[in-house]
């Protein structure tokens, strides 16, 4: 399931953040909004790039209950108006287990970046996770580690729906911030809806030790 999202804010309604650093790895759940070169964005987002257009986007997460699938996590990319183009966005829905996989895959970024740097890998892409979307087999959400000619690492998120791929790139630090943002949203929602949590899986639990 995909949803287009445009976030608008009345600046008088929330507290101003201390500033936005697009390369910061830490996530502050208390931040209500940040001011970017493209205007105000809700929360404390990670910065991404829409690889099809080169436009800048920002992460935003919400969770909602579903009567058939339990709690669902919506990971969104908000793309503000820029370069003469109107704003827009993209989003992917995940079940609780899928969201936890998504978090774990994003957190692999520093590990793969070190491997690329230490071994001077250069020009390399490695799939590190594929999450089947909440709508079924026709939807796929994957995360790839990408190394450039200088062995610098980055993460690429690819969402395929109906044969169409939307791809977003982000650095190692923003990947960690996005992971923390997703985790905070997920665990907060689960604390409020404990019946939505799946039974613990011993193998998956090892990812979060």
N, C-alpha and C. Protein backbone atom coordinates (compact mmCIF):
# COMPACT_ATOMS: atom_id res chain seq x y z
N UNK A 1 0.84 -1.18 0.00
CA UNK A 1 0.00 0.00 0.00
C UNK A 1 0.89 1.24 0.00
N UNK A 2 0.56 2.16 -0.88
CA UNK A 2 1.35 3.38 -1.01
C UNK A 2 0.42 4.57 -0.77
N UNK A 3 0.92 5.57 -0.07
CA UNK A 3 0.14 6.78 0.15
C UNK A 3 1.01 7.98 -0.13
N UNK A 4 0.49 8.97 -0.83
CA UNK A 4 1.21 10.22 -1.05
C UNK A 4 0.92 11.13 0.13
N UNK A 5 1.96 11.78 0.60
CA UNK A 5 1.82 12.60 1.80
C UNK A 5 2.46 13.97 1.58
N UNK A 6 1.76 14.98 1.90
CA UNK A 6 2.31 16.33 1.96
C UNK A 6 2.05 16.86 3.34
N UNK A 7 3.09 17.28 4.04
CA UNK A 7 2.94 17.75 5.41
C UNK A 7 2.98 19.26 5.44
N UNK A 8 1.96 19.88 5.97
CA UNK A 8 1.94 21.33 6.15
C UNK A 8 1.92 21.66 7.63
N UNK A 9 2.53 22.78 8.00
CA UNK A 9 2.59 23.15 9.42
C UNK A 9 2.27 24.62 9.60
N UNK A 10 1.56 24.93 10.67
CA UNK A 10 1.43 26.30 11.14
C UNK A 10 2.55 26.51 12.14
N UNK A 11 3.47 27.40 11.84
CA UNK A 11 4.67 27.54 12.65
C UNK A 11 4.38 27.98 14.08
N UNK A 12 3.22 28.57 14.31
CA UNK A 12 2.91 29.03 15.66
C UNK A 12 2.39 27.91 16.55
N UNK A 13 2.15 26.72 15.99
CA UNK A 13 1.48 25.68 16.77
C UNK A 13 2.43 24.72 17.46
N UNK A 14 3.71 24.79 17.14
CA UNK A 14 4.66 23.85 17.72
C UNK A 14 5.94 24.56 18.12
N UNK A 15 6.72 23.86 18.94
CA UNK A 15 7.97 24.46 19.41
C UNK A 15 9.06 24.33 18.35
N UNK A 16 9.87 25.33 18.21
CA UNK A 16 10.95 25.34 17.23
C UNK A 16 12.09 24.44 17.67
N UNK A 17 12.60 23.64 16.73
CA UNK A 17 13.77 22.80 17.01
C UNK A 17 15.02 23.66 17.01
N UNK A 18 16.11 23.14 17.61
CA UNK A 18 17.35 23.90 17.69
C UNK A 18 18.07 24.00 16.36
N UNK A 19 17.69 23.21 15.37
CA UNK A 19 18.34 23.25 14.08
C UNK A 19 18.30 21.87 13.45
N UNK A 20 18.53 21.82 12.15
CA UNK A 20 18.48 20.54 11.45
C UNK A 20 19.82 20.24 10.81
N UNK A 21 20.42 19.12 11.22
CA UNK A 21 21.67 18.66 10.65
C UNK A 21 21.35 17.44 9.79
N UNK A 22 21.45 17.53 8.45
CA UNK A 22 21.05 16.42 7.59
C UNK A 22 21.91 15.18 7.74
N UNK A 23 23.07 15.30 8.41
CA UNK A 23 23.95 14.13 8.56
C UNK A 23 23.97 13.59 9.99
N UNK A 24 23.06 14.06 10.84
CA UNK A 24 23.04 13.58 12.22
C UNK A 24 22.45 12.18 12.30
N UNK A 25 23.09 11.31 13.07
CA UNK A 25 22.65 9.92 13.18
C UNK A 25 21.60 9.71 14.28
N UNK A 26 21.57 10.60 15.27
CA UNK A 26 20.67 10.41 16.41
C UNK A 26 19.29 10.99 16.12
N UNK A 27 18.28 10.41 16.76
CA UNK A 27 16.89 10.82 16.59
C UNK A 27 16.35 11.34 17.91
N UNK A 28 15.68 12.49 17.88
CA UNK A 28 15.11 13.09 19.09
C UNK A 28 13.59 13.03 19.00
N UNK A 29 12.96 12.13 19.73
CA UNK A 29 11.50 12.01 19.65
C UNK A 29 10.75 13.21 20.22
N UNK A 30 11.45 14.07 20.97
CA UNK A 30 10.80 15.24 21.56
C UNK A 30 10.72 16.41 20.58
N UNK A 31 11.45 16.33 19.48
CA UNK A 31 11.43 17.42 18.50
C UNK A 31 10.09 17.42 17.76
N UNK A 32 9.41 18.57 17.77
CA UNK A 32 8.09 18.67 17.15
C UNK A 32 8.18 18.94 15.65
N UNK A 33 9.13 19.77 15.26
CA UNK A 33 9.37 20.00 13.84
C UNK A 33 10.75 20.63 13.67
N UNK A 34 11.24 20.60 12.46
CA UNK A 34 12.52 21.23 12.14
C UNK A 34 12.33 22.16 10.94
N UNK A 35 13.20 23.15 10.85
CA UNK A 35 13.19 24.06 9.71
C UNK A 35 14.30 23.63 8.76
N UNK A 36 13.94 23.30 7.55
CA UNK A 36 14.90 22.90 6.51
C UNK A 36 14.93 23.99 5.45
N UNK A 37 15.83 23.88 4.47
CA UNK A 37 15.81 24.86 3.37
C UNK A 37 14.50 24.86 2.58
N UNK A 38 13.66 23.84 2.81
CA UNK A 38 12.41 23.72 2.06
C UNK A 38 11.20 24.01 2.93
N UNK A 39 11.43 24.49 4.15
CA UNK A 39 10.34 24.80 5.05
C UNK A 39 10.31 23.89 6.26
N UNK A 40 9.20 23.92 6.99
CA UNK A 40 9.06 23.14 8.22
C UNK A 40 8.64 21.72 7.90
N UNK A 41 9.29 20.75 8.59
CA UNK A 41 8.96 19.34 8.43
C UNK A 41 8.65 18.77 9.81
N UNK A 42 7.61 17.98 9.91
CA UNK A 42 7.20 17.40 11.19
C UNK A 42 8.26 16.49 11.78
N UNK A 43 8.38 16.55 13.10
CA UNK A 43 9.25 15.64 13.82
C UNK A 43 10.73 15.92 13.62
N UNK A 44 11.54 14.88 13.77
CA UNK A 44 12.99 14.97 13.61
C UNK A 44 13.38 13.99 12.50
N UNK A 45 13.23 14.38 11.24
CA UNK A 45 13.35 13.42 10.14
C UNK A 45 14.78 13.13 9.72
N UNK A 46 14.91 12.02 9.01
CA UNK A 46 16.15 11.73 8.28
C UNK A 46 15.99 12.30 6.88
N UNK A 47 17.08 12.77 6.30
CA UNK A 47 17.02 13.34 4.96
C UNK A 47 17.38 12.27 3.92
N UNK A 48 16.58 12.20 2.86
CA UNK A 48 16.79 11.26 1.78
C UNK A 48 16.78 11.99 0.44
N UNK A 49 17.13 11.27 -0.61
CA UNK A 49 17.06 11.81 -1.96
C UNK A 49 16.19 10.90 -2.82
N UNK A 50 15.22 11.48 -3.51
CA UNK A 50 14.44 10.73 -4.49
C UNK A 50 15.36 10.50 -5.69
N UNK A 51 15.76 9.27 -5.92
CA UNK A 51 16.77 8.98 -6.94
C UNK A 51 16.25 9.17 -8.36
N UNK A 52 14.94 9.23 -8.54
CA UNK A 52 14.38 9.44 -9.87
C UNK A 52 14.43 10.91 -10.28
N UNK A 53 14.31 11.80 -9.29
CA UNK A 53 14.22 13.24 -9.60
C UNK A 53 15.37 14.05 -9.03
N UNK A 54 16.11 13.47 -8.07
CA UNK A 54 17.18 14.21 -7.41
C UNK A 54 16.67 15.17 -6.35
N UNK A 55 15.36 15.15 -6.09
CA UNK A 55 14.80 16.06 -5.09
C UNK A 55 15.00 15.52 -3.68
N UNK A 56 15.06 16.43 -2.72
CA UNK A 56 15.27 16.08 -1.32
C UNK A 56 13.96 15.71 -0.64
N UNK A 57 14.01 14.65 0.16
CA UNK A 57 12.85 14.24 0.93
C UNK A 57 13.20 14.02 2.39
N UNK A 58 12.20 13.86 3.23
CA UNK A 58 12.40 13.69 4.66
C UNK A 58 11.48 12.59 5.19
N UNK A 59 12.00 11.81 6.12
CA UNK A 59 11.25 10.67 6.64
C UNK A 59 10.20 11.10 7.66
N UNK A 60 9.12 10.34 7.70
CA UNK A 60 8.06 10.56 8.67
C UNK A 60 7.37 9.23 8.91
N UNK A 61 7.08 8.89 10.16
CA UNK A 61 6.51 7.58 10.48
C UNK A 61 5.26 7.70 11.31
N UNK A 62 4.30 6.85 11.02
CA UNK A 62 3.10 6.73 11.82
C UNK A 62 2.74 5.25 11.93
N UNK A 63 1.88 4.93 12.89
CA UNK A 63 1.41 3.56 13.06
C UNK A 63 -0.09 3.58 13.25
N UNK A 64 -0.75 2.55 12.74
CA UNK A 64 -2.19 2.50 12.86
C UNK A 64 -2.65 1.05 12.95
N UNK A 65 -3.71 0.79 13.71
CA UNK A 65 -4.20 -0.59 13.84
C UNK A 65 -4.99 -1.00 12.61
N UNK A 66 -4.89 -2.27 12.26
CA UNK A 66 -5.65 -2.85 11.17
C UNK A 66 -6.38 -4.07 11.72
N UNK A 67 -7.66 -4.18 11.46
CA UNK A 67 -8.45 -5.24 12.09
C UNK A 67 -8.03 -6.64 11.63
N UNK A 68 -7.42 -6.74 10.47
CA UNK A 68 -7.01 -8.04 9.95
C UNK A 68 -5.53 -8.36 10.18
N UNK A 69 -4.69 -7.31 10.15
CA UNK A 69 -3.24 -7.55 10.20
C UNK A 69 -2.57 -7.01 11.45
N UNK A 70 -3.35 -6.53 12.39
CA UNK A 70 -2.76 -5.96 13.59
C UNK A 70 -2.19 -4.58 13.33
N UNK A 71 -1.19 -4.21 14.10
CA UNK A 71 -0.59 -2.89 13.95
C UNK A 71 0.20 -2.81 12.65
N UNK A 72 0.07 -1.70 11.94
CA UNK A 72 0.84 -1.45 10.72
C UNK A 72 1.67 -0.19 10.89
N UNK A 73 2.88 -0.22 10.39
CA UNK A 73 3.80 0.92 10.44
C UNK A 73 3.87 1.52 9.05
N UNK A 74 3.64 2.83 8.95
CA UNK A 74 3.77 3.51 7.66
C UNK A 74 5.03 4.36 7.67
N UNK A 75 6.00 3.96 6.85
CA UNK A 75 7.24 4.73 6.68
C UNK A 75 7.08 5.61 5.45
N UNK A 76 7.12 6.90 5.66
CA UNK A 76 6.84 7.84 4.59
C UNK A 76 8.05 8.69 4.23
N UNK A 77 8.07 9.13 2.99
CA UNK A 77 9.05 10.12 2.53
C UNK A 77 8.27 11.35 2.09
N UNK A 78 8.44 12.44 2.80
CA UNK A 78 7.80 13.71 2.47
C UNK A 78 8.74 14.49 1.55
N UNK A 79 8.25 14.88 0.38
CA UNK A 79 9.06 15.64 -0.56
C UNK A 79 8.46 17.04 -0.68
N UNK A 80 9.10 18.03 -0.07
CA UNK A 80 8.57 19.40 -0.12
C UNK A 80 8.66 19.97 -1.54
N UNK A 81 7.88 21.00 -1.79
CA UNK A 81 7.97 21.70 -3.07
C UNK A 81 9.39 22.26 -3.23
N UNK A 82 9.97 22.06 -4.39
CA UNK A 82 11.34 22.53 -4.66
C UNK A 82 11.63 22.48 -6.15
N UNK A 83 12.58 23.29 -6.57
CA UNK A 83 13.02 23.31 -7.98
C UNK A 83 11.85 23.52 -8.93
N UNK A 84 10.87 24.30 -8.50
CA UNK A 84 9.73 24.59 -9.36
C UNK A 84 8.69 23.49 -9.42
N UNK A 85 8.91 22.40 -8.68
CA UNK A 85 7.96 21.28 -8.69
C UNK A 85 7.14 21.28 -7.41
N UNK A 86 5.89 20.84 -7.51
CA UNK A 86 5.04 20.76 -6.34
C UNK A 86 5.52 19.67 -5.39
N UNK A 87 5.14 19.80 -4.12
CA UNK A 87 5.50 18.80 -3.14
C UNK A 87 4.72 17.51 -3.33
N UNK A 88 5.18 16.47 -2.71
CA UNK A 88 4.51 15.17 -2.80
C UNK A 88 5.10 14.22 -1.79
N UNK A 89 5.06 12.95 -2.07
CA UNK A 89 5.62 12.00 -1.14
C UNK A 89 5.37 10.57 -1.54
N UNK A 90 5.81 9.68 -0.69
CA UNK A 90 5.68 8.25 -0.94
C UNK A 90 5.67 7.56 0.42
N UNK A 91 5.01 6.41 0.49
CA UNK A 91 4.97 5.69 1.76
C UNK A 91 4.81 4.20 1.54
N UNK A 92 5.30 3.41 2.49
CA UNK A 92 5.16 1.96 2.46
C UNK A 92 4.61 1.49 3.79
N UNK A 93 3.68 0.55 3.74
CA UNK A 93 3.10 -0.01 4.95
C UNK A 93 3.80 -1.32 5.28
N UNK A 94 4.05 -1.53 6.59
CA UNK A 94 4.70 -2.75 7.05
C UNK A 94 3.98 -3.31 8.27
N UNK A 95 3.98 -4.62 8.40
CA UNK A 95 3.51 -5.25 9.62
C UNK A 95 4.57 -5.05 10.70
N UNK A 96 4.27 -5.46 11.91
CA UNK A 96 5.23 -5.30 13.02
C UNK A 96 6.53 -6.05 12.71
N UNK A 97 6.43 -7.30 12.28
CA UNK A 97 7.64 -8.07 11.97
C UNK A 97 8.43 -7.44 10.84
N UNK A 98 7.73 -6.97 9.81
CA UNK A 98 8.41 -6.33 8.68
C UNK A 98 9.11 -5.05 9.12
N UNK A 99 8.46 -4.28 9.98
CA UNK A 99 9.06 -3.04 10.46
C UNK A 99 10.33 -3.34 11.26
N UNK A 100 10.31 -4.39 12.05
CA UNK A 100 11.50 -4.75 12.82
C UNK A 100 12.64 -5.20 11.91
N UNK A 101 12.29 -5.91 10.82
CA UNK A 101 13.31 -6.26 9.83
C UNK A 101 13.87 -5.00 9.18
N UNK A 102 12.99 -4.07 8.84
CA UNK A 102 13.38 -2.81 8.21
C UNK A 102 14.38 -2.07 9.08
N UNK A 103 14.10 -2.01 10.37
CA UNK A 103 15.01 -1.37 11.33
C UNK A 103 16.38 -2.05 11.33
N UNK A 104 16.35 -3.39 11.43
CA UNK A 104 17.60 -4.14 11.49
C UNK A 104 18.43 -3.96 10.22
N UNK A 105 17.77 -3.92 9.05
CA UNK A 105 18.49 -3.76 7.80
C UNK A 105 19.14 -2.37 7.71
N UNK A 106 18.41 -1.34 8.09
CA UNK A 106 18.99 0.01 8.07
C UNK A 106 20.22 0.08 8.98
N UNK A 107 20.16 -0.63 10.09
CA UNK A 107 21.26 -0.56 11.06
C UNK A 107 22.50 -1.33 10.61
N UNK A 108 22.41 -2.05 9.51
CA UNK A 108 23.59 -2.71 8.96
C UNK A 108 24.51 -1.72 8.23
N UNK A 109 24.03 -0.53 7.95
CA UNK A 109 24.78 0.42 7.13
C UNK A 109 26.21 0.68 7.62
N UNK A 110 26.44 0.97 8.91
CA UNK A 110 27.83 1.22 9.35
C UNK A 110 28.73 0.01 9.16
N UNK A 111 28.18 -1.19 9.39
CA UNK A 111 28.96 -2.42 9.22
C UNK A 111 29.43 -2.56 7.77
N UNK A 112 28.50 -2.38 6.83
CA UNK A 112 28.87 -2.53 5.42
C UNK A 112 29.78 -1.40 4.97
N UNK A 113 29.59 -0.20 5.51
CA UNK A 113 30.46 0.93 5.15
C UNK A 113 31.90 0.66 5.56
N UNK A 114 32.07 0.07 6.74
CA UNK A 114 33.42 -0.25 7.21
C UNK A 114 34.06 -1.32 6.32
N UNK A 115 33.28 -2.33 5.95
CA UNK A 115 33.79 -3.36 5.06
C UNK A 115 34.25 -2.75 3.73
N UNK A 116 33.44 -1.86 3.18
CA UNK A 116 33.77 -1.23 1.91
C UNK A 116 35.04 -0.40 2.01
N UNK A 117 35.15 0.37 3.09
CA UNK A 117 36.33 1.22 3.27
C UNK A 117 37.59 0.41 3.53
N UNK A 118 37.50 -0.56 4.44
CA UNK A 118 38.68 -1.36 4.81
C UNK A 118 39.21 -2.16 3.63
N UNK A 119 38.32 -2.58 2.75
CA UNK A 119 38.72 -3.44 1.64
C UNK A 119 38.74 -2.74 0.29
N UNK A 120 38.55 -1.41 0.33
CA UNK A 120 38.56 -0.61 -0.91
C UNK A 120 37.70 -1.28 -1.98
N UNK A 121 36.46 -1.57 -1.61
CA UNK A 121 35.56 -2.32 -2.49
C UNK A 121 35.22 -1.54 -3.76
N UNK A 122 34.70 -0.32 -3.61
CA UNK A 122 34.34 0.48 -4.78
C UNK A 122 33.21 -0.13 -5.60
N UNK A 123 32.36 0.70 -6.15
CA UNK A 123 31.31 0.31 -7.10
C UNK A 123 30.69 -1.06 -6.79
N UNK A 124 29.92 -1.09 -5.74
CA UNK A 124 29.34 -2.36 -5.30
C UNK A 124 27.97 -2.12 -4.69
N UNK A 125 27.04 -3.03 -4.96
CA UNK A 125 25.72 -2.95 -4.35
C UNK A 125 25.34 -4.32 -3.83
N UNK A 126 24.95 -4.38 -2.56
CA UNK A 126 24.59 -5.66 -1.94
C UNK A 126 23.20 -5.57 -1.31
N UNK A 127 22.23 -6.38 -1.78
CA UNK A 127 20.93 -6.41 -1.12
C UNK A 127 21.09 -6.93 0.32
N UNK A 128 20.52 -6.21 1.28
CA UNK A 128 20.65 -6.66 2.67
C UNK A 128 19.30 -6.90 3.32
N UNK A 129 18.25 -6.89 2.52
CA UNK A 129 16.96 -7.22 3.10
C UNK A 129 15.84 -6.99 2.12
N UNK A 130 14.83 -7.84 2.15
CA UNK A 130 13.66 -7.67 1.29
C UNK A 130 12.42 -7.95 2.13
N UNK A 131 11.59 -6.96 2.28
CA UNK A 131 10.38 -7.07 3.08
C UNK A 131 9.18 -7.11 2.14
N UNK A 132 8.37 -8.14 2.24
CA UNK A 132 7.15 -8.19 1.44
C UNK A 132 6.17 -7.19 2.02
N UNK A 133 5.63 -6.36 1.16
CA UNK A 133 4.72 -5.32 1.62
C UNK A 133 3.46 -5.88 2.24
N UNK A 134 2.79 -5.06 3.02
CA UNK A 134 1.63 -5.51 3.77
C UNK A 134 0.45 -5.89 2.88
N UNK A 135 0.48 -5.46 1.61
CA UNK A 135 -0.62 -5.77 0.71
C UNK A 135 -0.44 -7.10 -0.01
N UNK A 136 0.74 -7.75 0.10
CA UNK A 136 0.88 -9.07 -0.51
C UNK A 136 2.07 -9.20 -1.43
N UNK A 137 2.05 -10.24 -2.26
CA UNK A 137 3.21 -10.62 -3.06
C UNK A 137 3.57 -9.58 -4.12
N UNK A 138 2.64 -8.75 -4.53
CA UNK A 138 2.91 -7.79 -5.61
C UNK A 138 3.75 -6.62 -5.13
N UNK A 139 3.96 -6.51 -3.82
CA UNK A 139 4.66 -5.36 -3.26
C UNK A 139 5.93 -5.82 -2.55
N UNK A 140 7.03 -5.14 -2.84
CA UNK A 140 8.30 -5.50 -2.22
C UNK A 140 9.01 -4.23 -1.75
N UNK A 141 9.59 -4.33 -0.57
CA UNK A 141 10.37 -3.23 -0.02
C UNK A 141 11.75 -3.79 0.29
N UNK A 142 12.78 -3.28 -0.36
CA UNK A 142 14.13 -3.81 -0.15
C UNK A 142 15.08 -2.69 0.22
N UNK A 143 16.15 -3.08 0.91
CA UNK A 143 17.19 -2.15 1.30
C UNK A 143 18.52 -2.68 0.78
N UNK A 144 19.30 -1.81 0.13
CA UNK A 144 20.57 -2.21 -0.44
C UNK A 144 21.68 -1.31 0.08
N UNK A 145 22.84 -1.92 0.29
CA UNK A 145 24.03 -1.13 0.60
C UNK A 145 24.74 -0.85 -0.72
N UNK A 146 25.16 0.41 -0.90
CA UNK A 146 25.80 0.82 -2.15
C UNK A 146 27.16 1.44 -1.83
N UNK A 147 28.19 1.00 -2.54
CA UNK A 147 29.53 1.58 -2.41
C UNK A 147 29.90 2.27 -3.72
N UNK A 148 30.43 3.49 -3.63
CA UNK A 148 30.80 4.22 -4.84
C UNK A 148 32.26 3.97 -5.21
N UNK A 149 32.77 4.70 -6.19
CA UNK A 149 34.13 4.49 -6.67
C UNK A 149 35.16 4.71 -5.57
N UNK A 150 34.85 5.58 -4.62
CA UNK A 150 35.77 5.88 -3.52
C UNK A 150 35.53 4.98 -2.30
N UNK A 151 34.72 3.95 -2.45
CA UNK A 151 34.39 3.01 -1.38
C UNK A 151 33.59 3.67 -0.25
N UNK A 152 32.90 4.77 -0.57
CA UNK A 152 32.01 5.39 0.40
C UNK A 152 30.67 4.68 0.37
N UNK A 153 30.12 4.40 1.53
CA UNK A 153 28.88 3.65 1.61
C UNK A 153 27.64 4.52 1.71
N UNK A 154 26.53 3.98 1.26
CA UNK A 154 25.23 4.62 1.38
C UNK A 154 24.16 3.53 1.36
N UNK A 155 22.93 3.93 1.62
CA UNK A 155 21.81 2.99 1.62
C UNK A 155 20.81 3.41 0.54
N UNK A 156 20.25 2.42 -0.12
CA UNK A 156 19.20 2.66 -1.11
C UNK A 156 17.96 1.88 -0.69
N UNK A 157 16.84 2.57 -0.56
CA UNK A 157 15.56 1.94 -0.25
C UNK A 157 14.75 1.87 -1.54
N UNK A 158 14.33 0.68 -1.90
CA UNK A 158 13.56 0.49 -3.13
C UNK A 158 12.21 -0.12 -2.80
N UNK A 159 11.15 0.53 -3.27
CA UNK A 159 9.79 0.05 -3.03
C UNK A 159 9.16 -0.24 -4.39
N UNK A 160 8.79 -1.49 -4.60
CA UNK A 160 8.21 -1.92 -5.87
C UNK A 160 6.74 -2.23 -5.66
N UNK A 161 5.89 -1.63 -6.49
CA UNK A 161 4.46 -1.90 -6.42
C UNK A 161 3.94 -1.95 -7.85
N UNK A 162 3.35 -3.07 -8.22
CA UNK A 162 2.82 -3.21 -9.57
C UNK A 162 3.88 -3.09 -10.64
N UNK A 163 5.10 -3.50 -10.32
CA UNK A 163 6.18 -3.44 -11.29
C UNK A 163 6.88 -2.10 -11.39
N UNK A 164 6.43 -1.12 -10.64
CA UNK A 164 7.04 0.22 -10.65
C UNK A 164 7.90 0.39 -9.41
N UNK A 165 9.14 0.83 -9.59
CA UNK A 165 10.06 1.00 -8.47
C UNK A 165 10.24 2.47 -8.11
N UNK A 166 10.10 2.75 -6.83
CA UNK A 166 10.46 4.06 -6.29
C UNK A 166 11.72 3.85 -5.46
N UNK A 167 12.75 4.64 -5.72
CA UNK A 167 14.03 4.44 -5.03
C UNK A 167 14.48 5.72 -4.35
N UNK A 168 15.00 5.55 -3.13
CA UNK A 168 15.46 6.68 -2.32
C UNK A 168 16.84 6.36 -1.77
N UNK A 169 17.72 7.35 -1.76
CA UNK A 169 19.06 7.16 -1.22
C UNK A 169 19.27 7.97 0.04
N UNK A 170 20.07 7.43 0.94
CA UNK A 170 20.42 8.17 2.15
C UNK A 170 21.77 7.70 2.66
N UNK A 171 22.45 8.58 3.38
CA UNK A 171 23.77 8.28 3.90
C UNK A 171 23.73 7.34 5.09
N UNK A 172 24.91 6.98 5.57
CA UNK A 172 25.03 6.05 6.69
C UNK A 172 24.38 6.61 7.95
N UNK A 173 24.68 7.85 8.28
CA UNK A 173 24.09 8.45 9.49
C UNK A 173 22.58 8.63 9.38
N UNK A 174 22.07 9.20 8.29
CA UNK A 174 20.62 9.30 8.16
C UNK A 174 19.91 7.95 8.22
N UNK A 175 20.57 6.88 7.75
CA UNK A 175 19.98 5.54 7.85
C UNK A 175 19.78 5.14 9.30
N UNK A 176 20.75 5.50 10.15
CA UNK A 176 20.63 5.19 11.58
C UNK A 176 19.51 6.01 12.22
N UNK A 177 19.39 7.24 11.78
CA UNK A 177 18.33 8.10 12.32
C UNK A 177 16.95 7.59 11.89
N UNK A 178 16.83 7.18 10.64
CA UNK A 178 15.56 6.64 10.14
C UNK A 178 15.19 5.38 10.92
N UNK A 179 16.18 4.52 11.18
CA UNK A 179 15.94 3.30 11.95
C UNK A 179 15.41 3.64 13.33
N UNK A 180 16.02 4.62 13.99
CA UNK A 180 15.58 5.01 15.33
C UNK A 180 14.18 5.62 15.30
N UNK A 181 13.89 6.38 14.26
CA UNK A 181 12.56 6.98 14.12
C UNK A 181 11.49 5.91 13.94
N UNK A 182 11.76 4.94 13.09
CA UNK A 182 10.82 3.84 12.89
C UNK A 182 10.63 3.06 14.18
N UNK A 183 11.74 2.75 14.86
CA UNK A 183 11.67 1.98 16.09
C UNK A 183 10.86 2.71 17.16
N UNK A 184 11.10 4.01 17.32
CA UNK A 184 10.36 4.78 18.32
C UNK A 184 8.87 4.76 18.01
N UNK A 185 8.51 4.98 16.76
CA UNK A 185 7.10 4.98 16.37
C UNK A 185 6.47 3.63 16.62
N UNK A 186 7.18 2.57 16.24
CA UNK A 186 6.66 1.21 16.40
C UNK A 186 6.48 0.84 17.87
N UNK A 187 7.52 1.05 18.67
CA UNK A 187 7.45 0.62 20.07
C UNK A 187 6.46 1.47 20.86
N UNK A 188 6.33 2.75 20.52
CA UNK A 188 5.34 3.60 21.19
C UNK A 188 3.93 3.09 20.89
N UNK A 189 3.70 2.76 19.62
CA UNK A 189 2.38 2.27 19.23
C UNK A 189 2.08 0.91 19.86
N UNK A 190 3.08 0.05 19.94
CA UNK A 190 2.88 -1.26 20.56
C UNK A 190 2.59 -1.15 22.05
N UNK A 191 3.23 -0.18 22.70
CA UNK A 191 2.97 0.03 24.12
C UNK A 191 1.53 0.47 24.35
N UNK A 192 0.98 1.17 23.38
CA UNK A 192 -0.40 1.64 23.48
C UNK A 192 -1.40 0.58 23.01
N UNK A 193 -0.90 -0.37 22.18
CA UNK A 193 -1.75 -1.43 21.64
C UNK A 193 -1.04 -2.77 21.81
N UNK A 194 -0.84 -3.24 23.05
CA UNK A 194 -0.04 -4.44 23.29
C UNK A 194 -0.57 -5.69 22.60
N UNK A 195 -1.87 -5.76 22.34
CA UNK A 195 -2.43 -6.94 21.69
C UNK A 195 -2.01 -7.04 20.23
N UNK A 196 -1.46 -5.95 19.68
CA UNK A 196 -1.06 -5.95 18.27
C UNK A 196 0.31 -6.55 18.05
N UNK A 197 1.06 -6.77 19.12
CA UNK A 197 2.42 -7.31 18.99
C UNK A 197 2.38 -8.79 18.69
N UNK A 198 3.20 -9.28 17.75
CA UNK A 198 3.25 -10.71 17.47
C UNK A 198 3.98 -11.45 18.58
N UNK A 199 3.80 -12.76 18.62
CA UNK A 199 4.54 -13.57 19.58
C UNK A 199 6.03 -13.45 19.30
N UNK A 200 6.83 -13.49 20.36
CA UNK A 200 8.28 -13.33 20.19
C UNK A 200 8.86 -14.49 19.38
N UNK A 201 9.74 -14.15 18.45
CA UNK A 201 10.44 -15.13 17.62
C UNK A 201 11.90 -15.15 18.07
N UNK A 202 12.39 -16.28 18.53
CA UNK A 202 13.73 -16.36 19.11
C UNK A 202 14.80 -15.94 18.11
N UNK A 203 14.66 -16.36 16.85
CA UNK A 203 15.67 -16.02 15.86
C UNK A 203 15.68 -14.53 15.57
N UNK A 204 14.49 -13.94 15.43
CA UNK A 204 14.42 -12.51 15.16
C UNK A 204 14.90 -11.70 16.36
N UNK A 205 14.68 -12.22 17.55
CA UNK A 205 15.10 -11.50 18.75
C UNK A 205 16.61 -11.31 18.80
N UNK A 206 17.34 -12.22 18.16
CA UNK A 206 18.80 -12.12 18.16
C UNK A 206 19.27 -10.83 17.46
N UNK A 207 18.46 -10.33 16.54
CA UNK A 207 18.83 -9.10 15.82
C UNK A 207 18.89 -7.91 16.74
N UNK A 208 18.17 -7.97 17.87
CA UNK A 208 18.00 -6.80 18.70
C UNK A 208 18.67 -6.93 20.06
N UNK A 209 19.63 -7.84 20.18
CA UNK A 209 20.34 -8.02 21.44
C UNK A 209 21.36 -6.91 21.63
